[in-house]
Amino acid sequence: MENRDEMRGKRIDCLDKGFVRLVDFMGDDDAIVQAARVSYGKGTKSVRADRELIRYLMRHRHTSPFEMVEFKFHVKLPIFVARQWIRHRTANVNEYSGRYSEMKDEFYMPDLEQIRTQNQVNRQGRSDTRLPVEEAEKIKDTLDKTQKKLYEEYQIFLGQDIARELARINLPLSTYTEWYWKIDLHNLLHFIKLRLDEHAQYEIRVYANKMGELIKPIVPVTYEAFEDYLLESLNFSKKELSILKRMMKAELPEDSLLEEFGIKGLEASEFNDKLNLLLSSQ
């Protein structure tokens, strides 16, 4: 794993012309432990105790200590991705302005395999059905011609001294923009969880995945807990739990089975309490 200090300034390319770059960060796993204990420095606890504390905080959704860590990113992304991204209103954002600066001749072009039909179940997204290569290539060709035509018109407007804020208005959503995006760790993990979901649009999933790669070496214990308790966990409704109860045998797992999965100590006790509650509920 890379050294945390080596991550500052690191850039990872995304899509065909985009990227995400970690400009700066404040804090790490130690800062979370420090905030939780309301102490100074690294404290007197062992590394193992610090890890257990972070996992306890994540497991029980005690979120404020994670807000003590912050990250600032420089992101280059298509405008349609930015419009989804900006719905996460818990960050500070400063975007490239098409009013003050000339928009660049850069547009997102999806790979052939990403040109797919509409999902008939999830009406928001694409299906797993790819178009025949010949048909997908025709669509890419149409996209390319339209992008070039609209950018040529944009350049004509600029040449006629039309205000940049008006000249830009016909540029497509595939146009690349850039911004600086600063956010605390708690809300960043929430962003990553939502945008890594299989139902999220492919293009924004690419960015969420790369942001996870950038922060993991800085907060490795926290990210491991995030993967265990949030990213790769499931929530069940009251009715779903009732169904599970009927399916389960009324017996608790042996300690050896829990230890096999790294569940021990307080976490094992909490897990058994949840199983007892599930099996005893009506």
C-alpha atoms as a PDB file:
ATOM      1  CA  MET A   1       0.000   0.000   0.000  1.00  0.00           C
ATOM      2  CA  GLU A   2       1.224   3.501  -0.833  1.00  0.00           C
ATOM      3  CA  ASN A   3       2.434   5.871   1.858  1.00  0.00           C
ATOM      4  CA  ARG A   4      -0.244   8.370   2.895  1.00  0.00           C
ATOM      5  CA  ASP A   5       1.987  11.371   2.163  1.00  0.00           C
ATOM      6  CA  GLU A   6       2.572  10.078  -1.367  1.00  0.00           C
ATOM      7  CA  MET A   7      -1.160  10.362  -2.040  1.00  0.00           C
ATOM      8  CA  ARG A   8      -1.139  14.165  -1.866  1.00  0.00           C
ATOM      9  CA  GLY A   9      -1.263  15.396  -5.462  1.00  0.00           C
ATOM     10  CA  LYS A  10      -1.850  11.929  -6.915  1.00  0.00           C
ATOM     11  CA  ARG A  11      -4.058  11.823 -10.010  1.00  0.00           C
ATOM     12  CA  ILE A  12      -6.040   8.899 -11.438  1.00  0.00           C
ATOM     13  CA  ASP A  13      -7.530   9.111 -14.935  1.00  0.00           C
ATOM     14  CA  CYS A  14     -11.271   8.497 -15.330  1.00  0.00           C
ATOM     15  CA  LEU A  15     -13.330   7.763 -18.445  1.00  0.00           C
ATOM     16  CA  ASP A  16     -11.784   8.973 -21.715  1.00  0.00           C
ATOM     17  CA  LYS A  17     -10.576  12.476 -20.784  1.00  0.00           C
ATOM     18  CA  GLY A  18     -11.384  12.954 -17.099  1.00  0.00           C
ATOM     19  CA  PHE A  19      -9.473  12.505 -13.873  1.00  0.00           C
ATOM     20  CA  VAL A  20      -9.667  12.857 -10.103  1.00  0.00           C
ATOM     21  CA  ARG A  21      -6.675  14.296  -8.235  1.00  0.00           C
ATOM     22  CA  LEU A  22      -6.254  14.456  -4.481  1.00  0.00           C
ATOM     23  CA  VAL A  23      -5.126  18.037  -3.945  1.00  0.00           C
ATOM     24  CA  ASP A  24      -4.809  17.908  -0.176  1.00  0.00           C
ATOM     25  CA  PHE A  25      -6.137  16.279   2.988  1.00  0.00           C
ATOM     26  CA  MET A  26      -6.318  16.980   6.691  1.00  0.00           C
ATOM     27  CA  GLY A  27      -6.214  14.171   9.239  1.00  0.00           C
ATOM     28  CA  ASP A  28      -6.135  10.383   9.171  1.00  0.00           C
ATOM     29  CA  ASP A  29      -7.230   7.449  11.339  1.00  0.00           C
ATOM     30  CA  ASP A  30      -5.429   8.998  14.319  1.00  0.00           C
ATOM     31  CA  ALA A  31      -7.494  12.200  13.987  1.00  0.00           C
ATOM     32  CA  ILE A  32     -10.696  10.151  14.221  1.00  0.00           C
ATOM     33  CA  VAL A  33      -9.515   8.379  17.367  1.00  0.00           C
ATOM     34  CA  GLN A  34      -8.356  11.670  18.848  1.00  0.00           C
ATOM     35  CA  ALA A  35     -11.733  13.308  18.248  1.00  0.00           C
ATOM     36  CA  ALA A  36     -13.594  10.335  19.664  1.00  0.00           C
ATOM     37  CA  ARG A  37     -11.544  10.404  22.844  1.00  0.00           C
ATOM     38  CA  VAL A  38     -11.478  14.228  23.015  1.00  0.00           C
ATOM     39  CA  SER A  39      -7.741  14.092  23.671  1.00  0.00           C
ATOM     40  CA  TYR A  40      -4.549  15.403  22.153  1.00  0.00           C
ATOM     41  CA  GLY A  41      -1.881  13.619  20.160  1.00  0.00           C
ATOM     42  CA  LYS A  42      -2.046   9.922  19.491  1.00  0.00           C
ATOM     43  CA  GLY A  43      -2.988   9.090  23.045  1.00  0.00           C
ATOM     44  CA  THR A  44      -1.886   6.126  25.082  1.00  0.00           C
ATOM     45  CA  LYS A  45      -4.043   3.455  23.523  1.00  0.00           C
ATOM     46  CA  SER A  46      -2.570   0.653  21.430  1.00  0.00           C
ATOM     47  CA  VAL A  47      -2.946   0.342  17.665  1.00  0.00           C
ATOM     48  CA  ARG A  48      -5.312  -2.563  18.252  1.00  0.00           C
ATOM     49  CA  ALA A  49      -7.456  -0.505  20.627  1.00  0.00           C
ATOM     50  CA  ASP A  50      -7.562   2.370  18.112  1.00  0.00           C
ATOM     51  CA  ARG A  51      -8.693  -0.027  15.379  1.00  0.00           C
ATOM     52  CA  GLU A  52     -11.422  -1.465  17.606  1.00  0.00           C
ATOM     53  CA  LEU A  53     -12.616   2.029  18.460  1.00  0.00           C
ATOM     54  CA  ILE A  54     -12.865   3.070  14.804  1.00  0.00           C
ATOM     55  CA  ARG A  55     -14.753  -0.099  13.942  1.00  0.00           C
ATOM     56  CA  TYR A  56     -17.084   0.481  16.896  1.00  0.00           C
ATOM     57  CA  LEU A  57     -17.773   4.032  15.721  1.00  0.00           C
ATOM     58  CA  MET A  58     -18.499   2.870  12.175  1.00  0.00           C
ATOM     59  CA  ARG A  59     -20.610  -0.066  13.322  1.00  0.00           C
ATOM     60  CA  HIS A  60     -22.798   2.109  15.515  1.00  0.00           C
ATOM     61  CA  ARG A  61     -22.971   5.045  13.080  1.00  0.00           C
ATOM     62  CA  HIS A  62     -21.210   7.492  15.411  1.00  0.00           C
ATOM     63  CA  THR A  63     -20.361   9.806  12.538  1.00  0.00           C
ATOM     64  CA  SER A  64     -19.034  13.047  14.010  1.00  0.00           C
ATOM     65  CA  PRO A  65     -15.421  11.828  14.644  1.00  0.00           C
ATOM     66  CA  PHE A  66     -15.147  10.977  10.929  1.00  0.00           C
ATOM     67  CA  GLU A  67     -16.053  14.572  10.078  1.00  0.00           C
ATOM     68  CA  MET A  68     -12.709  15.665  11.581  1.00  0.00           C
ATOM     69  CA  VAL A  69     -10.911  14.380   8.461  1.00  0.00           C
ATOM     70  CA  GLU A  70     -11.213  16.352   5.206  1.00  0.00           C
ATOM     71  CA  PHE A  71     -10.201  15.829   1.576  1.00  0.00           C
ATOM     72  CA  LYS A  72      -9.906  18.271  -1.318  1.00  0.00           C
ATOM     73  CA  PHE A  73     -10.101  16.938  -4.869  1.00  0.00           C
ATOM     74  CA  HIS A  74      -9.572  18.396  -8.328  1.00  0.00           C
ATOM     75  CA  VAL A  75     -11.975  16.637 -10.667  1.00  0.00           C
ATOM     76  CA  LYS A  76     -12.416  16.776 -14.430  1.00  0.00           C
ATOM     77  CA  LEU A  77     -15.757  15.279 -15.438  1.00  0.00           C
ATOM     78  CA  PRO A  78     -18.547  15.501 -18.029  1.00  0.00           C
ATOM     79  CA  ILE A  79     -21.280  18.009 -17.188  1.00  0.00           C
ATOM     80  CA  PHE A  80     -23.976  15.308 -16.993  1.00  0.00           C
ATOM     81  CA  VAL A  81     -21.918  13.531 -14.314  1.00  0.00           C
ATOM     82  CA  ALA A  82     -21.405  16.828 -12.492  1.00  0.00           C
ATOM     83  CA  ARG A  83     -25.167  17.392 -12.375  1.00  0.00           C
ATOM     84  CA  GLN A  84     -25.634  14.086 -10.547  1.00  0.00           C
ATOM     85  CA  TRP A  85     -22.619  14.715  -8.344  1.00  0.00           C
ATOM     86  CA  ILE A  86     -23.748  18.170  -7.203  1.00  0.00           C
ATOM     87  CA  ARG A  87     -26.798  16.662  -5.506  1.00  0.00           C
ATOM     88  CA  HIS A  88     -24.409  15.797  -2.673  1.00  0.00           C
ATOM     89  CA  ARG A  89     -24.766  19.166  -0.978  1.00  0.00           C
ATOM     90  CA  THR A  90     -22.414  18.479   1.944  1.00  0.00           C
ATOM     91  CA  ALA A  91     -19.274  19.643   0.126  1.00  0.00           C
ATOM     92  CA  ASN A  92     -17.626  22.919  -0.874  1.00  0.00           C
ATOM     93  CA  VAL A  93     -17.423  23.320  -4.663  1.00  0.00           C
ATOM     94  CA  ASN A  94     -15.762  25.764  -7.034  1.00  0.00           C
ATOM     95  CA  GLU A  95     -16.349  24.972 -10.719  1.00  0.00           C
ATOM     96  CA  TYR A  96     -14.693  26.124 -13.936  1.00  0.00           C
ATOM     97  CA  SER A  97     -16.754  29.007 -15.310  1.00  0.00           C
ATOM     98  CA  GLY A  98     -17.891  29.183 -18.931  1.00  0.00           C
ATOM     99  CA  ARG A  99     -18.833  32.828 -18.308  1.00  0.00           C
ATOM    100  CA  TYR A 100     -15.268  33.909 -17.603  1.00  0.00           C
ATOM    101  CA  SER A 101     -13.265  31.354 -19.565  1.00  0.00           C
ATOM    102  CA  GLU A 102     -13.544  29.656 -22.934  1.00  0.00           C
ATOM    103  CA  MET A 103     -14.920  26.116 -22.810  1.00  0.00           C
ATOM    104  CA  LYS A 104     -12.457  23.514 -24.055  1.00  0.00           C
ATOM    105  CA  ASP A 105     -13.000  21.281 -27.073  1.00  0.00           C
ATOM    106  CA  GLU A 106     -13.336  18.190 -24.898  1.00  0.00           C
ATOM    107  CA  PHE A 107     -16.384  15.914 -24.843  1.00  0.00           C
ATOM    108  CA  TYR A 108     -17.107  12.549 -23.293  1.00  0.00           C
ATOM    109  CA  MET A 109     -17.437   9.662 -25.703  1.00  0.00           C
ATOM    110  CA  PRO A 110     -18.656   6.352 -24.204  1.00  0.00           C
ATOM    111  CA  ASP A 111     -16.943   3.099 -25.036  1.00  0.00           C
ATOM    112  CA  LEU A 112     -18.820   0.853 -27.429  1.00  0.00           C
ATOM    113  CA  GLU A 113     -19.620  -1.619 -24.647  1.00  0.00           C
ATOM    114  CA  GLN A 114     -21.339   1.134 -22.636  1.00  0.00           C
ATOM    115  CA  ILE A 115     -23.797   1.962 -25.421  1.00  0.00           C
ATOM    116  CA  ARG A 116     -26.701  -0.179 -24.266  1.00  0.00           C
ATOM    117  CA  THR A 117     -30.486  -0.327 -24.279  1.00  0.00           C
ATOM    118  CA  GLN A 118     -32.784   1.116 -21.622  1.00  0.00           C
ATOM    119  CA  ASN A 119     -33.267  -1.008 -18.488  1.00  0.00           C
ATOM    120  CA  GLN A 120     -36.923  -2.045 -18.377  1.00  0.00           C
ATOM    121  CA  VAL A 121     -36.917  -2.597 -14.602  1.00  0.00           C
ATOM    122  CA  ASN A 122     -34.790   0.299 -13.410  1.00  0.00           C
ATOM    123  CA  ARG A 123     -36.134   3.111 -15.560  1.00  0.00           C
ATOM    124  CA  GLN A 124     -33.228   5.376 -14.609  1.00  0.00           C
ATOM    125  CA  GLY A 125     -30.441   3.376 -16.145  1.00  0.00           C
ATOM    126  CA  ARG A 126     -29.094   1.211 -18.932  1.00  0.00           C
ATOM    127  CA  SER A 127     -29.512  -2.530 -19.196  1.00  0.00           C
ATOM    128  CA  ASP A 128     -26.855  -5.219 -19.586  1.00  0.00           C
ATOM    129  CA  THR A 129     -27.805  -5.595 -23.247  1.00  0.00           C
ATOM    130  CA  ARG A 130     -25.145  -4.244 -25.563  1.00  0.00           C
ATOM    131  CA  LEU A 131     -25.988  -3.057 -29.042  1.00  0.00           C
ATOM    132  CA  PRO A 132     -24.439  -4.780 -32.043  1.00  0.00           C
ATOM    133  CA  VAL A 133     -21.013  -3.284 -32.737  1.00  0.00           C
ATOM    134  CA  GLU A 134     -22.050  -1.791 -36.066  1.00  0.00           C
ATOM    135  CA  GLU A 135     -25.055  -0.030 -34.511  1.00  0.00           C
ATOM    136  CA  ALA A 136     -23.016   1.208 -31.533  1.00  0.00           C
ATOM    137  CA  GLU A 137     -20.373   2.608 -33.890  1.00  0.00           C
ATOM    138  CA  LYS A 138     -23.052   4.548 -35.788  1.00  0.00           C
ATOM    139  CA  ILE A 139     -24.281   6.067 -32.537  1.00  0.00           C
ATOM    140  CA  LYS A 140     -20.730   7.074 -31.579  1.00  0.00           C
ATOM    141  CA  ASP A 141     -20.268   8.624 -34.995  1.00  0.00           C
ATOM    142  CA  THR A 142     -23.486  10.643 -34.582  1.00  0.00           C
ATOM    143  CA  LEU A 143     -22.406  11.807 -31.121  1.00  0.00           C
ATOM    144  CA  ASP A 144     -19.004  12.835 -32.459  1.00  0.00           C
ATOM    145  CA  LYS A 145     -20.455  14.797 -35.396  1.00  0.00           C
ATOM    146  CA  THR A 146     -22.960  16.598 -33.158  1.00  0.00           C
ATOM    147  CA  GLN A 147     -20.286  17.526 -30.612  1.00  0.00           C
ATOM    148  CA  LYS A 148     -18.004  18.923 -33.320  1.00  0.00           C
ATOM    149  CA  LYS A 149     -20.848  20.874 -34.950  1.00  0.00           C
ATOM    150  CA  LEU A 150     -21.961  22.456 -31.682  1.00  0.00           C
ATOM    151  CA  TYR A 151     -18.403  23.393 -30.734  1.00  0.00           C
ATOM    152  CA  GLU A 152     -17.865  24.955 -34.163  1.00  0.00           C
ATOM    153  CA  GLU A 153     -21.002  27.061 -33.622  1.00  0.00           C
ATOM    154  CA  TYR A 154     -19.685  28.032 -30.184  1.00  0.00           C
ATOM    155  CA  GLN A 155     -16.423  29.214 -31.753  1.00  0.00           C
ATOM    156  CA  ILE A 156     -18.354  31.214 -34.374  1.00  0.00           C
ATOM    157  CA  PHE A 157     -20.334  32.964 -31.628  1.00  0.00           C
ATOM    158  CA  LEU A 158     -17.113  33.811 -29.787  1.00  0.00           C
ATOM    159  CA  GLY A 159     -15.673  35.169 -33.054  1.00  0.00           C
ATOM    160  CA  GLN A 160     -18.712  37.424 -33.377  1.00  0.00           C
ATOM    161  CA  ASP A 161     -17.990  38.762 -29.872  1.00  0.00           C
ATOM    162  CA  ILE A 162     -21.154  37.163 -28.470  1.00  0.00           C
ATOM    163  CA  ALA A 163     -20.932  37.041 -24.667  1.00  0.00           C
ATOM    164  CA  ARG A 164     -19.342  33.810 -23.455  1.00  0.00           C
ATOM    165  CA  GLU A 165     -22.273  33.227 -21.090  1.00  0.00           C
ATOM    166  CA  LEU A 166     -24.577  33.093 -24.142  1.00  0.00           C
ATOM    167  CA  ALA A 167     -22.221  31.470 -26.631  1.00  0.00           C
ATOM    168  CA  ARG A 168     -21.923  28.381 -24.411  1.00  0.00           C
ATOM    169  CA  ILE A 169     -25.632  27.596 -23.947  1.00  0.00           C
ATOM    170  CA  ASN A 170     -25.935  25.113 -26.822  1.00  0.00           C
ATOM    171  CA  LEU A 171     -22.922  23.048 -25.790  1.00  0.00           C
ATOM    172  CA  PRO A 172     -23.950  19.474 -24.900  1.00  0.00           C
ATOM    173  CA  LEU A 173     -23.997  17.762 -21.491  1.00  0.00           C
ATOM    174  CA  SER A 174     -21.053  15.668 -22.665  1.00  0.00           C
ATOM    175  CA  THR A 175     -18.796  18.748 -22.411  1.00  0.00           C
ATOM    176  CA  TYR A 176     -16.071  18.338 -19.800  1.00  0.00           C
ATOM    177  CA  THR A 177     -15.937  20.700 -16.845  1.00  0.00           C
ATOM    178  CA  GLU A 178     -13.617  20.879 -13.836  1.00  0.00           C
ATOM    179  CA  TRP A 179     -14.003  21.715 -10.174  1.00  0.00           C
ATOM    180  CA  TYR A 180     -12.377  21.658  -6.776  1.00  0.00           C
ATOM    181  CA  TRP A 181     -14.456  19.619  -4.323  1.00  0.00           C
ATOM    182  CA  LYS A 182     -13.765  19.613  -0.569  1.00  0.00           C
ATOM    183  CA  ILE A 183     -15.627  17.321   1.818  1.00  0.00           C
ATOM    184  CA  ASP A 184     -15.275  15.630   5.204  1.00  0.00           C
ATOM    185  CA  LEU A 185     -14.682  11.891   5.445  1.00  0.00           C
ATOM    186  CA  HIS A 186     -18.127  10.991   6.801  1.00  0.00           C
ATOM    187  CA  ASN A 187     -19.936  12.598   3.863  1.00  0.00           C
ATOM    188  CA  LEU A 188     -17.328  11.356   1.388  1.00  0.00           C
ATOM    189  CA  LEU A 189     -17.947   7.758   2.460  1.00  0.00           C
ATOM    190  CA  HIS A 190     -21.683   8.374   2.068  1.00  0.00           C
ATOM    191  CA  PHE A 191     -21.020   9.632  -1.473  1.00  0.00           C
ATOM    192  CA  ILE A 192     -18.870   6.598  -2.300  1.00  0.00           C
ATOM    193  CA  LYS A 193     -21.447   4.158  -0.940  1.00  0.00           C
ATOM    194  CA  LEU A 194     -24.287   5.671  -2.969  1.00  0.00           C
ATOM    195  CA  ARG A 195     -22.283   6.116  -6.159  1.00  0.00           C
ATOM    196  CA  LEU A 196     -20.692   2.661  -6.103  1.00  0.00           C
ATOM    197  CA  ASP A 197     -24.110   1.043  -5.983  1.00  0.00           C
ATOM    198  CA  GLU A 198     -24.754  -1.125  -9.033  1.00  0.00           C
ATOM    199  CA  HIS A 199     -27.796   1.016  -9.865  1.00  0.00           C
ATOM    200  CA  ALA A 200     -25.760   4.231 -10.041  1.00  0.00           C
ATOM    201  CA  GLN A 201     -24.765   5.422 -13.502  1.00  0.00           C
ATOM    202  CA  TYR A 202     -21.609   3.760 -14.781  1.00  0.00           C
ATOM    203  CA  GLU A 203     -19.730   7.002 -15.370  1.00  0.00           C
ATOM    204  CA  ILE A 204     -20.093   8.313 -11.812  1.00  0.00           C
ATOM    205  CA  ARG A 205     -19.248   4.871 -10.422  1.00  0.00           C
ATOM    206  CA  VAL A 206     -15.855   5.182 -12.121  1.00  0.00           C
ATOM    207  CA  TYR A 207     -15.119   8.385 -10.197  1.00  0.00           C
ATOM    208  CA  ALA A 208     -16.381   7.012  -6.879  1.00  0.00           C
ATOM    209  CA  ASN A 209     -14.180   3.940  -7.257  1.00  0.00           C
ATOM    210  CA  LYS A 210     -11.061   6.003  -7.952  1.00  0.00           C
ATOM    211  CA  MET A 211     -11.746   8.343  -5.031  1.00  0.00           C
ATOM    212  CA  GLY A 212     -11.925   5.304  -2.784  1.00  0.00           C
ATOM    213  CA  GLU A 213      -8.505   4.230  -4.089  1.00  0.00           C
ATOM    214  CA  LEU A 214      -7.067   7.651  -3.262  1.00  0.00           C
ATOM    215  CA  ILE A 215      -8.292   7.866   0.328  1.00  0.00           C
ATOM    216  CA  LYS A 216      -7.791   4.226   1.372  1.00  0.00           C
ATOM    217  CA  PRO A 217      -4.030   4.581   2.079  1.00  0.00           C
ATOM    218  CA  ILE A 218      -4.736   7.675   4.213  1.00  0.00           C
ATOM    219  CA  VAL A 219      -7.473   6.152   6.381  1.00  0.00           C
ATOM    220  CA  PRO A 220      -6.912   2.386   5.941  1.00  0.00           C
ATOM    221  CA  VAL A 221      -8.559   1.286   9.191  1.00  0.00           C
ATOM    222  CA  THR A 222     -11.593   3.482   8.589  1.00  0.00           C
ATOM    223  CA  TYR A 223     -11.950   2.337   4.989  1.00  0.00           C
ATOM    224  CA  GLU A 224     -11.767  -1.300   6.043  1.00  0.00           C
ATOM    225  CA  ALA A 225     -14.539  -0.677   8.587  1.00  0.00           C
ATOM    226  CA  PHE A 226     -16.533   1.194   5.931  1.00  0.00           C
ATOM    227  CA  GLU A 227     -16.296  -1.787   3.578  1.00  0.00           C
ATOM    228  CA  ASP A 228     -17.271  -4.242   6.338  1.00  0.00           C
ATOM    229  CA  TYR A 229     -20.191  -2.351   7.900  1.00  0.00           C
ATOM    230  CA  LEU A 230     -21.561  -0.107   5.146  1.00  0.00           C
ATOM    231  CA  LEU A 231     -20.299  -0.680   1.623  1.00  0.00           C
ATOM    232  CA  GLU A 232     -20.615  -4.474   1.552  1.00  0.00           C
ATOM    233  CA  SER A 233     -23.381  -4.898   4.115  1.00  0.00           C
ATOM    234  CA  LEU A 234     -27.141  -5.179   3.663  1.00  0.00           C
ATOM    235  CA  ASN A 235     -30.124  -3.645   5.431  1.00  0.00           C
ATOM    236  CA  PHE A 236     -33.327  -5.600   5.945  1.00  0.00           C
ATOM    237  CA  SER A 237     -36.822  -4.264   6.528  1.00  0.00           C
ATOM    238  CA  LYS A 238     -39.038  -5.400   9.389  1.00  0.00           C
ATOM    239  CA  LYS A 239     -40.965  -7.742   7.099  1.00  0.00           C
ATOM    240  CA  GLU A 240     -37.784  -9.127   5.570  1.00  0.00           C
ATOM    241  CA  LEU A 241     -36.428  -9.860   9.047  1.00  0.00           C
ATOM    242  CA  SER A 242     -39.629 -11.747   9.849  1.00  0.00           C
ATOM    243  CA  ILE A 243     -39.032 -13.934   6.822  1.00  0.00           C
ATOM    244  CA  LEU A 244     -35.409 -14.518   7.827  1.00  0.00           C
ATOM    245  CA  LYS A 245     -36.500 -15.478  11.316  1.00  0.00           C
ATOM    246  CA  ARG A 246     -38.696 -18.248   9.927  1.00  0.00           C
ATOM    247  CA  MET A 247     -35.834 -19.491   7.797  1.00  0.00           C
ATOM    248  CA  MET A 248     -33.268 -19.560  10.594  1.00  0.00           C
ATOM    249  CA  LYS A 249     -32.667 -22.323  13.054  1.00  0.00           C
ATOM    250  CA  ALA A 250     -33.030 -21.133  16.648  1.00  0.00           C
ATOM    251  CA  GLU A 251     -29.399 -21.659  17.558  1.00  0.00           C
ATOM    252  CA  LEU A 252     -26.412 -19.335  17.789  1.00  0.00           C
ATOM    253  CA  PRO A 253     -23.162 -19.901  15.868  1.00  0.00           C
ATOM    254  CA  GLU A 254     -20.198 -21.296  17.744  1.00  0.00           C
ATOM    255  CA  ASP A 255     -17.407 -18.913  18.756  1.00  0.00           C
ATOM    256  CA  SER A 256     -15.009 -20.670  16.392  1.00  0.00           C
ATOM    257  CA  LEU A 257     -17.202 -19.732  13.415  1.00  0.00           C
ATOM    258  CA  LEU A 258     -17.302 -16.094  14.468  1.00  0.00           C
ATOM    259  CA  GLU A 259     -13.522 -16.013  14.913  1.00  0.00           C
ATOM    260  CA  GLU A 260     -13.097 -17.487  11.444  1.00  0.00           C
ATOM    261  CA  PHE A 261     -14.627 -14.279  10.082  1.00  0.00           C
ATOM    262  CA  GLY A 262     -12.711 -12.045  12.463  1.00  0.00           C
ATOM    263  CA  ILE A 263     -15.706 -11.350  14.706  1.00  0.00           C
ATOM    264  CA  LYS A 264     -14.708 -11.489  18.355  1.00  0.00           C
ATOM    265  CA  GLY A 265     -14.845  -9.626  21.638  1.00  0.00           C
ATOM    266  CA  LEU A 266     -17.406  -6.850  21.845  1.00  0.00           C
ATOM    267  CA  GLU A 267     -18.383  -7.225  18.207  1.00  0.00           C
ATOM    268  CA  ALA A 268     -19.146 -10.945  18.703  1.00  0.00           C
ATOM    269  CA  SER A 269     -21.259 -10.127  21.764  1.00  0.00           C
ATOM    270  CA  GLU A 270     -23.192  -7.503  19.799  1.00  0.00           C
ATOM    271  CA  PHE A 271     -23.741  -9.939  16.942  1.00  0.00           C
ATOM    272  CA  ASN A 272     -25.118 -12.587  19.287  1.00  0.00           C
ATOM    273  CA  ASP A 273     -27.387  -9.972  20.868  1.00  0.00           C
ATOM    274  CA  LYS A 274     -28.771  -9.149  17.416  1.00  0.00           C
ATOM    275  CA  LEU A 275     -29.365 -12.819  16.662  1.00  0.00           C
ATOM    276  CA  ASN A 276     -31.105 -13.309  20.004  1.00  0.00           C
ATOM    277  CA  LEU A 277     -33.289 -10.290  19.318  1.00  0.00           C
ATOM    278  CA  LEU A 278     -34.149 -11.566  15.854  1.00  0.00           C
ATOM    279  CA  LEU A 279     -35.011 -15.067  17.057  1.00  0.00           C
ATOM    280  CA  SER A 280     -37.035 -13.859  20.030  1.00  0.00           C
ATOM    281  CA  SER A 281     -39.035 -11.159  18.215  1.00  0.00           C
ATOM    282  CA  GLN A 282     -42.540 -11.758  16.980  1.00  0.00           C
END
